[in-house]
Protein backbone atom coordinates (compact mmCIF):
# COMPACT_ATOMS: atom_id res chain seq x y z
CA UNK A 1 42.44 6.29 3.28
CA UNK A 2 39.12 7.60 1.82
CA UNK A 3 37.63 10.64 3.39
CA UNK A 4 34.27 9.74 2.89
CA UNK A 5 32.18 7.36 4.49
CA UNK A 6 29.23 5.59 2.79
CA UNK A 7 26.35 4.81 5.12
CA UNK A 8 23.33 2.97 3.76
CA UNK A 9 19.99 4.59 5.10
CA UNK A 10 17.61 2.22 7.32
CA UNK A 11 14.28 3.07 7.42
CA UNK A 12 12.90 3.87 10.72
CA UNK A 13 10.80 1.16 12.51
CA UNK A 14 8.04 1.87 14.74
CA UNK A 15 5.80 -0.57 16.86
CA UNK A 16 2.40 -0.69 17.43
CA UNK A 17 2.79 1.48 20.61
CA UNK A 18 4.97 4.12 19.18
CA UNK A 19 2.28 4.63 16.15
CA UNK A 20 -0.53 4.90 18.79
CA UNK A 21 1.35 7.50 20.82
CA UNK A 22 2.31 9.78 17.70
CA UNK A 23 -1.48 9.46 16.42
CA UNK A 24 -2.70 10.63 20.03
CA UNK A 25 -0.02 13.47 19.85
CA UNK A 26 -1.14 14.23 16.26
CA UNK A 27 -4.88 14.23 17.25
CA UNK A 28 -3.85 16.62 20.38
CA UNK A 29 -2.25 19.14 18.13
CA UNK A 30 -5.13 19.15 15.54
CA UNK A 31 -8.08 18.94 18.05
CA UNK A 32 -7.26 18.95 21.59
CA UNK A 33 -8.02 16.41 24.41
CA UNK A 34 -10.24 17.51 27.10
CA UNK A 35 -9.57 14.56 29.43
CA UNK A 36 -7.88 11.60 30.56
CA UNK A 37 -10.36 9.10 29.65
CA UNK A 38 -10.50 10.82 26.11
CA UNK A 39 -6.67 10.04 25.96
CA UNK A 40 -7.19 6.11 26.80
CA UNK A 41 -9.96 5.86 24.46
CA UNK A 42 -8.07 7.38 21.58
CA UNK A 43 -4.73 5.71 22.44
CA UNK A 44 -7.10 2.33 22.52
CA UNK A 45 -8.39 2.85 19.13
CA UNK A 46 -5.19 4.09 17.36
CA UNK A 47 -3.37 1.01 18.96
CA UNK A 48 -5.93 -1.41 17.70
CA UNK A 49 -5.85 0.38 14.01
CA UNK A 50 -2.00 -0.20 14.22
CA UNK A 51 -2.33 -3.73 15.49
CA UNK A 52 -4.99 -4.34 12.52
CA UNK A 53 -2.88 -2.83 10.06
CA UNK A 54 -0.02 -4.87 10.92
CA UNK A 55 -1.76 -7.93 10.53
CA UNK A 56 -3.69 -7.20 7.37
CA UNK A 57 -3.45 -5.41 4.04
CA UNK A 58 -4.55 -2.42 2.62
CA UNK A 59 -7.13 -3.82 0.76
CA UNK A 60 -8.78 -5.35 3.87
CA UNK A 61 -8.74 -2.22 5.58
CA UNK A 62 -10.25 -0.29 2.66
CA UNK A 63 -13.05 -2.91 2.89
CA UNK A 64 -13.80 -2.07 6.43
CA UNK A 65 -14.54 1.73 5.52
CA UNK A 66 -17.59 2.97 3.94
CA UNK A 67 -17.09 3.38 0.24
CA UNK A 68 -18.26 7.19 0.53
CA UNK A 69 -15.49 7.78 2.54
CA UNK A 70 -13.00 6.11 0.54
CA UNK A 71 -14.25 7.97 -2.59
CA UNK A 72 -13.81 11.24 -0.69
CA UNK A 73 -10.18 10.60 0.67
CA UNK A 74 -9.25 8.59 -2.59
CA UNK A 75 -7.97 5.00 -2.60
CA UNK A 76 -5.48 4.25 -0.05
CA UNK A 77 -3.42 2.23 -2.89
CA UNK A 78 -2.88 5.09 -5.23
CA UNK A 79 -1.42 7.55 -2.25
CA UNK A 80 2.23 7.69 -2.27
CA UNK A 81 3.89 7.70 0.82
């Protein structure tokens, strides 16, 4: 009998709700939050972004962002995640 067990790693799957919650928490840590209304607005924006990205390609997202911002941040396609 073998003493080692081989397990194939599975990537963590997150749904739109999870992504929006994580982004609100990240925003809170970096910038703070001033009110419940701000939390609601941020959640709605981040949820909408997650929904958009679920249904569209990176190229389509990049086409929605002002070119000067894309140039400052660098192309999304060249980023390694």
